[in-house]
Amino acid sequence: MNISYRKATSADMDRCLDVRGMTRDNAFTREDLIAIGVPPGSWDEPIDQGVYVGYVALVEGEIIAFCYGDTETGEILVLAVMDGYESRGIGTALLTKTSSALFDYGHKELWLAASATPVVRAHGYYRAIGWHPTGKLDDNGDEILTLNARMK
């Protein structure tokens, strides 16, 4: 399988919304996203203006995974890999590319919110690749993890 990567554009968001609903863990359908205030088109302007930066992974020209970060806050907003494509290094490659872009914007530390529940794969995944728990929880009960520029 040939996997390619490229910088994401706002034109990718429609497919990214589909992919977000096809993940094995923590899937959000279009309807779920709309219900939490993320309707189609809501990310177009921040992407086009460079506030959100991200990368997509493609197989045979089709997006199968993506990652976006916020250039203003240093937050990794989302990392999603379609069911069936996990454990191939795709998520890590996308996260690395997006993190590097955010560090290039001058951030010394990045952050993300991930499940605080050890049985959820994301809990161990981010820790295994160098993200550090802060002990703080967001309003959804997810734990805030950080990555320092020197640790990457």
N, C-alpha and C. Protein backbone atom coordinates (compact mmCIF):
# COMPACT_ATOMS: atom_id res chain seq x y z
N MET A 1 0.85 -1.17 0.00
CA MET A 1 0.00 0.00 0.00
C MET A 1 0.89 1.24 0.00
N ASN A 2 0.63 2.13 -0.93
CA ASN A 2 1.40 3.36 -1.05
C ASN A 2 0.64 4.48 -0.35
N ILE A 3 1.23 5.03 0.71
CA ILE A 3 0.63 6.12 1.47
C ILE A 3 1.38 7.40 1.14
N SER A 4 0.65 8.43 0.78
CA SER A 4 1.28 9.73 0.55
C SER A 4 0.70 10.74 1.53
N TYR A 5 1.45 11.80 1.74
CA TYR A 5 1.06 12.85 2.68
C TYR A 5 1.17 14.19 1.98
N ARG A 6 0.27 15.09 2.34
CA ARG A 6 0.37 16.45 1.84
C ARG A 6 -0.32 17.38 2.83
N LYS A 7 -0.02 18.67 2.67
CA LYS A 7 -0.67 19.67 3.50
C LYS A 7 -2.16 19.69 3.20
N ALA A 8 -2.97 19.80 4.24
CA ALA A 8 -4.42 19.81 4.08
C ALA A 8 -4.90 21.18 3.62
N THR A 9 -6.02 21.18 2.91
CA THR A 9 -6.66 22.41 2.48
C THR A 9 -8.12 22.37 2.93
N SER A 10 -8.79 23.50 2.84
CA SER A 10 -10.20 23.53 3.23
C SER A 10 -11.04 22.63 2.32
N ALA A 11 -10.60 22.41 1.09
CA ALA A 11 -11.31 21.52 0.18
C ALA A 11 -11.31 20.07 0.67
N ASP A 12 -10.40 19.72 1.57
CA ASP A 12 -10.32 18.37 2.13
C ASP A 12 -11.33 18.12 3.24
N MET A 13 -11.90 19.17 3.77
CA MET A 13 -12.72 19.03 4.98
C MET A 13 -13.94 18.14 4.80
N ASP A 14 -14.56 18.15 3.65
CA ASP A 14 -15.73 17.29 3.45
C ASP A 14 -15.35 15.83 3.64
N ARG A 15 -14.25 15.41 3.05
CA ARG A 15 -13.79 14.03 3.21
C ARG A 15 -13.32 13.78 4.64
N CYS A 16 -12.67 14.76 5.25
CA CYS A 16 -12.22 14.60 6.64
C CYS A 16 -13.40 14.37 7.58
N LEU A 17 -14.52 15.03 7.31
CA LEU A 17 -15.71 14.80 8.14
C LEU A 17 -16.17 13.35 8.02
N ASP A 18 -16.07 12.78 6.82
CA ASP A 18 -16.43 11.37 6.65
C ASP A 18 -15.45 10.47 7.39
N VAL A 19 -14.17 10.74 7.24
CA VAL A 19 -13.14 9.93 7.90
C VAL A 19 -13.32 9.96 9.41
N ARG A 20 -13.65 11.12 9.95
CA ARG A 20 -13.83 11.26 11.42
C ARG A 20 -14.89 10.30 11.94
N GLY A 21 -15.87 9.99 11.13
CA GLY A 21 -16.90 9.04 11.52
C GLY A 21 -16.54 7.59 11.28
N MET A 22 -15.39 7.35 10.64
CA MET A 22 -14.96 5.99 10.31
C MET A 22 -13.75 5.53 11.12
N THR A 23 -13.53 6.18 12.25
CA THR A 23 -12.43 5.76 13.12
C THR A 23 -12.92 4.67 14.06
N ARG A 24 -12.01 3.86 14.54
CA ARG A 24 -12.41 2.77 15.43
C ARG A 24 -12.76 3.28 16.82
N ASP A 25 -11.97 4.18 17.34
CA ASP A 25 -12.21 4.75 18.66
C ASP A 25 -12.64 6.20 18.50
N ASN A 26 -13.57 6.63 19.32
CA ASN A 26 -13.95 8.03 19.39
C ASN A 26 -14.45 8.59 18.06
N ALA A 27 -15.22 7.79 17.35
CA ALA A 27 -15.77 8.23 16.06
C ALA A 27 -16.84 9.29 16.28
N PHE A 28 -16.84 10.30 15.41
CA PHE A 28 -17.87 11.33 15.41
C PHE A 28 -18.42 11.42 14.00
N THR A 29 -19.70 11.16 13.83
CA THR A 29 -20.34 11.30 12.53
C THR A 29 -20.56 12.78 12.23
N ARG A 30 -20.97 13.08 11.02
CA ARG A 30 -21.31 14.47 10.67
C ARG A 30 -22.35 15.01 11.63
N GLU A 31 -23.36 14.19 11.93
CA GLU A 31 -24.42 14.62 12.83
C GLU A 31 -23.88 14.90 14.23
N ASP A 32 -22.96 14.05 14.69
CA ASP A 32 -22.33 14.26 16.00
C ASP A 32 -21.57 15.58 16.02
N LEU A 33 -20.83 15.84 14.95
CA LEU A 33 -20.04 17.07 14.88
C LEU A 33 -20.93 18.30 14.84
N ILE A 34 -22.00 18.23 14.09
CA ILE A 34 -22.95 19.35 14.04
C ILE A 34 -23.52 19.60 15.43
N ALA A 35 -23.84 18.52 16.14
CA ALA A 35 -24.44 18.65 17.48
C ALA A 35 -23.50 19.32 18.47
N ILE A 36 -22.18 19.19 18.27
CA ILE A 36 -21.23 19.84 19.19
C ILE A 36 -20.71 21.16 18.62
N GLY A 37 -21.34 21.65 17.57
CA GLY A 37 -20.99 22.96 17.05
C GLY A 37 -19.93 22.99 15.97
N VAL A 38 -19.76 21.87 15.25
CA VAL A 38 -18.78 21.81 14.17
C VAL A 38 -19.51 21.41 12.88
N PRO A 39 -20.27 22.35 12.31
CA PRO A 39 -20.99 22.04 11.07
C PRO A 39 -20.04 22.07 9.87
N PRO A 40 -20.44 21.42 8.76
CA PRO A 40 -19.63 21.50 7.54
C PRO A 40 -19.36 22.96 7.19
N GLY A 41 -18.13 23.23 6.77
CA GLY A 41 -17.76 24.59 6.39
C GLY A 41 -17.21 25.44 7.51
N SER A 42 -17.40 25.02 8.76
CA SER A 42 -16.98 25.86 9.88
C SER A 42 -15.46 25.98 10.02
N TRP A 43 -14.71 25.06 9.42
CA TRP A 43 -13.26 25.13 9.50
C TRP A 43 -12.64 25.74 8.25
N ASP A 44 -13.44 26.00 7.22
CA ASP A 44 -12.88 26.49 5.96
C ASP A 44 -12.10 27.80 6.13
N GLU A 45 -12.71 28.77 6.77
CA GLU A 45 -12.05 30.06 6.94
C GLU A 45 -10.77 29.97 7.78
N PRO A 46 -10.80 29.28 8.94
CA PRO A 46 -9.54 29.16 9.70
C PRO A 46 -8.44 28.44 8.93
N ILE A 47 -8.80 27.47 8.10
CA ILE A 47 -7.79 26.78 7.30
C ILE A 47 -7.26 27.72 6.22
N ASP A 48 -8.17 28.37 5.50
CA ASP A 48 -7.76 29.27 4.42
C ASP A 48 -6.92 30.44 4.93
N GLN A 49 -7.19 30.90 6.16
CA GLN A 49 -6.44 32.02 6.73
C GLN A 49 -5.18 31.58 7.46
N GLY A 50 -4.92 30.26 7.51
CA GLY A 50 -3.71 29.76 8.15
C GLY A 50 -3.79 29.65 9.65
N VAL A 51 -4.97 29.80 10.22
CA VAL A 51 -5.12 29.63 11.67
C VAL A 51 -5.05 28.14 12.02
N TYR A 52 -5.70 27.31 11.21
CA TYR A 52 -5.61 25.86 11.39
C TYR A 52 -4.69 25.33 10.29
N VAL A 53 -3.75 24.51 10.69
CA VAL A 53 -2.82 23.89 9.76
C VAL A 53 -2.91 22.39 9.95
N GLY A 54 -2.79 21.66 8.87
CA GLY A 54 -2.88 20.22 9.00
C GLY A 54 -2.33 19.48 7.81
N TYR A 55 -2.38 18.17 7.93
CA TYR A 55 -1.89 17.27 6.89
C TYR A 55 -2.88 16.13 6.74
N VAL A 56 -2.91 15.59 5.52
CA VAL A 56 -3.76 14.44 5.23
C VAL A 56 -2.88 13.30 4.72
N ALA A 57 -3.34 12.08 4.96
CA ALA A 57 -2.71 10.89 4.41
C ALA A 57 -3.66 10.32 3.37
N LEU A 58 -3.09 9.91 2.24
CA LEU A 58 -3.90 9.41 1.14
C LEU A 58 -3.44 8.03 0.69
N VAL A 59 -4.39 7.21 0.30
CA VAL A 59 -4.13 5.94 -0.35
C VAL A 59 -4.91 5.98 -1.66
N GLU A 60 -4.20 5.81 -2.76
CA GLU A 60 -4.81 5.88 -4.09
C GLU A 60 -5.64 7.15 -4.26
N GLY A 61 -5.12 8.28 -3.76
CA GLY A 61 -5.76 9.56 -3.92
C GLY A 61 -6.90 9.85 -2.96
N GLU A 62 -7.23 8.91 -2.09
CA GLU A 62 -8.35 9.07 -1.15
C GLU A 62 -7.81 9.33 0.26
N ILE A 63 -8.33 10.37 0.91
CA ILE A 63 -7.91 10.68 2.28
C ILE A 63 -8.38 9.58 3.22
N ILE A 64 -7.42 9.04 3.98
CA ILE A 64 -7.73 7.98 4.94
C ILE A 64 -7.40 8.40 6.38
N ALA A 65 -6.77 9.56 6.53
CA ALA A 65 -6.40 10.06 7.86
C ALA A 65 -6.03 11.53 7.76
N PHE A 66 -6.13 12.23 8.89
CA PHE A 66 -5.79 13.64 8.90
C PHE A 66 -5.46 14.10 10.31
N CYS A 67 -4.77 15.24 10.38
CA CYS A 67 -4.43 15.86 11.65
C CYS A 67 -4.42 17.37 11.44
N TYR A 68 -5.02 18.11 12.37
CA TYR A 68 -5.04 19.57 12.32
C TYR A 68 -4.60 20.14 13.66
N GLY A 69 -3.95 21.29 13.59
CA GLY A 69 -3.56 22.02 14.79
C GLY A 69 -3.89 23.49 14.65
N ASP A 70 -3.94 24.17 15.76
CA ASP A 70 -4.27 25.59 15.82
C ASP A 70 -2.98 26.39 15.96
N THR A 71 -2.66 27.21 14.96
CA THR A 71 -1.41 27.97 14.97
C THR A 71 -1.39 29.07 16.02
N GLU A 72 -2.55 29.49 16.49
CA GLU A 72 -2.61 30.55 17.50
C GLU A 72 -2.42 30.02 18.91
N THR A 73 -2.92 28.82 19.18
CA THR A 73 -2.88 28.28 20.55
C THR A 73 -1.88 27.16 20.76
N GLY A 74 -1.44 26.53 19.67
CA GLY A 74 -0.54 25.38 19.80
C GLY A 74 -1.28 24.09 20.14
N GLU A 75 -2.58 24.08 19.96
CA GLU A 75 -3.36 22.87 20.25
C GLU A 75 -3.44 21.96 19.03
N ILE A 76 -3.23 20.67 19.26
CA ILE A 76 -3.56 19.67 18.26
C ILE A 76 -5.06 19.47 18.38
N LEU A 77 -5.79 19.86 17.36
CA LEU A 77 -7.24 19.84 17.41
C LEU A 77 -7.83 18.46 17.18
N VAL A 78 -7.25 17.72 16.25
CA VAL A 78 -7.79 16.41 15.92
C VAL A 78 -6.75 15.58 15.18
N LEU A 79 -6.75 14.31 15.48
CA LEU A 79 -5.98 13.31 14.74
C LEU A 79 -6.95 12.16 14.51
N ALA A 80 -7.19 11.80 13.27
CA ALA A 80 -8.14 10.74 12.96
C ALA A 80 -7.58 9.84 11.87
N VAL A 81 -7.64 8.54 12.12
CA VAL A 81 -7.19 7.54 11.17
C VAL A 81 -8.34 6.55 10.97
N MET A 82 -8.71 6.33 9.72
CA MET A 82 -9.80 5.41 9.42
C MET A 82 -9.53 4.01 9.97
N ASP A 83 -10.58 3.38 10.43
CA ASP A 83 -10.50 1.99 10.88
C ASP A 83 -9.90 1.15 9.74
N GLY A 84 -8.96 0.31 10.09
CA GLY A 84 -8.30 -0.53 9.11
C GLY A 84 -6.93 -0.01 8.69
N TYR A 85 -6.63 1.24 9.04
CA TYR A 85 -5.34 1.83 8.70
C TYR A 85 -4.49 2.14 9.92
N GLU A 86 -4.95 1.74 11.10
CA GLU A 86 -4.20 1.99 12.32
C GLU A 86 -2.94 1.12 12.37
N SER A 87 -2.06 1.48 13.28
CA SER A 87 -0.83 0.71 13.56
C SER A 87 0.09 0.58 12.35
N ARG A 88 0.07 1.58 11.49
CA ARG A 88 0.96 1.59 10.32
C ARG A 88 1.86 2.83 10.33
N GLY A 89 1.80 3.59 11.42
CA GLY A 89 2.60 4.80 11.54
C GLY A 89 1.98 6.02 10.88
N ILE A 90 0.78 5.89 10.36
CA ILE A 90 0.13 7.00 9.65
C ILE A 90 -0.21 8.13 10.61
N GLY A 91 -0.84 7.80 11.72
CA GLY A 91 -1.20 8.82 12.71
C GLY A 91 0.04 9.52 13.26
N THR A 92 1.07 8.76 13.54
CA THR A 92 2.29 9.35 14.07
C THR A 92 2.94 10.27 13.04
N ALA A 93 2.95 9.87 11.78
CA ALA A 93 3.51 10.72 10.73
C ALA A 93 2.73 12.03 10.62
N LEU A 94 1.40 11.94 10.64
CA LEU A 94 0.57 13.15 10.54
C LEU A 94 0.76 14.05 11.76
N LEU A 95 0.80 13.44 12.94
CA LEU A 95 0.99 14.22 14.16
C LEU A 95 2.35 14.90 14.17
N THR A 96 3.37 14.21 13.69
CA THR A 96 4.72 14.78 13.62
C THR A 96 4.75 15.97 12.65
N LYS A 97 4.14 15.81 11.49
CA LYS A 97 4.11 16.89 10.50
C LYS A 97 3.36 18.11 11.05
N THR A 98 2.22 17.86 11.66
CA THR A 98 1.42 18.96 12.20
C THR A 98 2.13 19.62 13.38
N SER A 99 2.71 18.82 14.25
CA SER A 99 3.46 19.37 15.39
C SER A 99 4.62 20.22 14.91
N SER A 100 5.35 19.73 13.92
CA SER A 100 6.49 20.50 13.37
C SER A 100 6.03 21.83 12.82
N ALA A 101 4.89 21.83 12.14
CA ALA A 101 4.36 23.09 11.60
C ALA A 101 4.03 24.05 12.73
N LEU A 102 3.43 23.55 13.81
CA LEU A 102 3.10 24.42 14.95
C LEU A 102 4.35 24.93 15.64
N PHE A 103 5.37 24.09 15.78
CA PHE A 103 6.63 24.56 16.34
C PHE A 103 7.26 25.64 15.44
N ASP A 104 7.10 25.47 14.13
CA ASP A 104 7.62 26.48 13.19
C ASP A 104 6.93 27.83 13.37
N TYR A 105 5.72 27.82 13.91
CA TYR A 105 5.01 29.07 14.20
C TYR A 105 5.52 29.72 15.49
N GLY A 106 6.46 29.08 16.15
CA GLY A 106 7.08 29.67 17.33
C GLY A 106 6.62 29.10 18.66
N HIS A 107 5.72 28.14 18.63
CA HIS A 107 5.28 27.53 19.89
C HIS A 107 6.41 26.72 20.50
N LYS A 108 6.61 26.87 21.78
CA LYS A 108 7.62 26.09 22.51
C LYS A 108 7.01 24.82 23.11
N GLU A 109 5.68 24.85 23.26
CA GLU A 109 4.96 23.70 23.82
C GLU A 109 3.62 23.58 23.12
N LEU A 110 3.28 22.36 22.77
CA LEU A 110 1.99 22.07 22.16
C LEU A 110 1.13 21.34 23.18
N TRP A 111 -0.18 21.32 22.93
CA TRP A 111 -1.05 20.59 23.85
C TRP A 111 -2.20 19.96 23.08
N LEU A 112 -2.79 18.96 23.70
CA LEU A 112 -3.97 18.31 23.17
C LEU A 112 -4.76 17.72 24.32
N ALA A 113 -6.00 17.40 24.05
CA ALA A 113 -6.86 16.75 25.03
C ALA A 113 -7.11 15.33 24.56
N ALA A 114 -6.86 14.36 25.44
CA ALA A 114 -7.06 12.95 25.11
C ALA A 114 -7.74 12.26 26.29
N SER A 115 -8.32 11.14 26.00
CA SER A 115 -9.04 10.41 27.04
C SER A 115 -8.17 10.18 28.26
N ALA A 116 -8.76 10.38 29.40
CA ALA A 116 -8.07 10.12 30.67
C ALA A 116 -8.27 8.68 31.11
N THR A 117 -8.98 7.91 30.31
CA THR A 117 -9.29 6.51 30.64
C THR A 117 -8.24 5.58 30.05
N PRO A 118 -7.50 4.86 30.88
CA PRO A 118 -6.41 4.02 30.39
C PRO A 118 -6.82 2.93 29.38
N VAL A 119 -8.07 2.51 29.36
CA VAL A 119 -8.47 1.47 28.41
C VAL A 119 -8.68 2.01 27.00
N VAL A 120 -8.73 3.32 26.84
CA VAL A 120 -8.86 3.93 25.51
C VAL A 120 -7.47 4.02 24.89
N ARG A 121 -7.35 3.60 23.63
CA ARG A 121 -6.04 3.54 22.98
C ARG A 121 -5.30 4.87 22.99
N ALA A 122 -6.00 5.98 22.81
CA ALA A 122 -5.34 7.29 22.76
C ALA A 122 -4.59 7.58 24.06
N HIS A 123 -5.10 7.07 25.17
CA HIS A 123 -4.47 7.31 26.46
C HIS A 123 -3.01 6.86 26.43
N GLY A 124 -2.76 5.66 26.00
CA GLY A 124 -1.40 5.14 25.95
C GLY A 124 -0.62 5.60 24.73
N TYR A 125 -1.31 5.81 23.63
CA TYR A 125 -0.64 6.19 22.38
C TYR A 125 0.15 7.48 22.53
N TYR A 126 -0.49 8.53 22.97
CA TYR A 126 0.21 9.82 23.05
C TYR A 126 1.37 9.76 24.04
N ARG A 127 1.19 9.07 25.13
CA ARG A 127 2.28 8.94 26.10
C ARG A 127 3.45 8.18 25.50
N ALA A 128 3.15 7.14 24.73
CA ALA A 128 4.20 6.32 24.13
C ALA A 128 5.04 7.08 23.12
N ILE A 129 4.47 8.12 22.50
CA ILE A 129 5.23 8.87 21.50
C ILE A 129 5.77 10.19 22.05
N GLY A 130 5.72 10.36 23.37
CA GLY A 130 6.42 11.49 23.97
C GLY A 130 5.58 12.61 24.55
N TRP A 131 4.26 12.51 24.47
CA TRP A 131 3.40 13.54 25.09
C TRP A 131 3.32 13.27 26.58
N HIS A 132 3.24 14.35 27.36
CA HIS A 132 3.28 14.24 28.81
C HIS A 132 1.97 14.71 29.45
N PRO A 133 1.44 13.91 30.38
CA PRO A 133 0.22 14.31 31.07
C PRO A 133 0.48 15.49 32.00
N THR A 134 -0.51 16.36 32.09
CA THR A 134 -0.38 17.53 32.98
C THR A 134 -1.15 17.33 34.27
N GLY A 135 -2.03 16.33 34.29
CA GLY A 135 -2.89 16.13 35.45
C GLY A 135 -4.13 17.01 35.41
N LYS A 136 -4.24 17.84 34.37
CA LYS A 136 -5.39 18.73 34.22
C LYS A 136 -6.39 18.10 33.26
N LEU A 137 -7.68 18.34 33.53
CA LEU A 137 -8.74 17.86 32.67
C LEU A 137 -9.47 19.04 32.03
N ASP A 138 -9.95 18.82 30.80
CA ASP A 138 -10.77 19.86 30.17
C ASP A 138 -12.23 19.68 30.59
N ASP A 139 -13.10 20.49 30.06
CA ASP A 139 -14.51 20.45 30.44
C ASP A 139 -15.20 19.14 30.05
N ASN A 140 -14.62 18.39 29.11
CA ASN A 140 -15.19 17.11 28.69
C ASN A 140 -14.64 15.93 29.49
N GLY A 141 -13.73 16.21 30.42
CA GLY A 141 -13.12 15.15 31.21
C GLY A 141 -11.91 14.53 30.56
N ASP A 142 -11.46 15.10 29.43
CA ASP A 142 -10.26 14.61 28.78
C ASP A 142 -9.04 15.24 29.44
N GLU A 143 -7.95 14.48 29.45
CA GLU A 143 -6.73 14.97 30.07
C GLU A 143 -5.91 15.80 29.08
N ILE A 144 -5.33 16.87 29.59
CA ILE A 144 -4.47 17.72 28.78
C ILE A 144 -3.05 17.14 28.81
N LEU A 145 -2.51 16.91 27.62
CA LEU A 145 -1.14 16.43 27.46
C LEU A 145 -0.34 17.50 26.73
N THR A 146 0.95 17.54 26.98
CA THR A 146 1.80 18.53 26.33
C THR A 146 3.02 17.88 25.67
N LEU A 147 3.55 18.58 24.70
CA LEU A 147 4.78 18.18 24.03
C LEU A 147 5.65 19.42 23.93
N ASN A 148 6.83 19.34 24.52
CA ASN A 148 7.76 20.45 24.52
C ASN A 148 8.61 20.37 23.26
N ALA A 149 8.97 21.50 22.69
CA ALA A 149 9.78 21.54 21.47
C ALA A 149 11.10 20.79 21.64
N ARG A 150 11.65 20.82 22.83
CA ARG A 150 12.92 20.12 23.06
C ARG A 150 12.73 18.61 23.15
N MET A 151 11.50 18.14 23.41
CA MET A 151 11.25 16.72 23.57
C MET A 151 10.88 16.02 22.28
N LYS A 152 10.53 16.78 21.26
CA LYS A 152 10.01 16.17 20.04
C LYS A 152 11.03 15.32 19.33
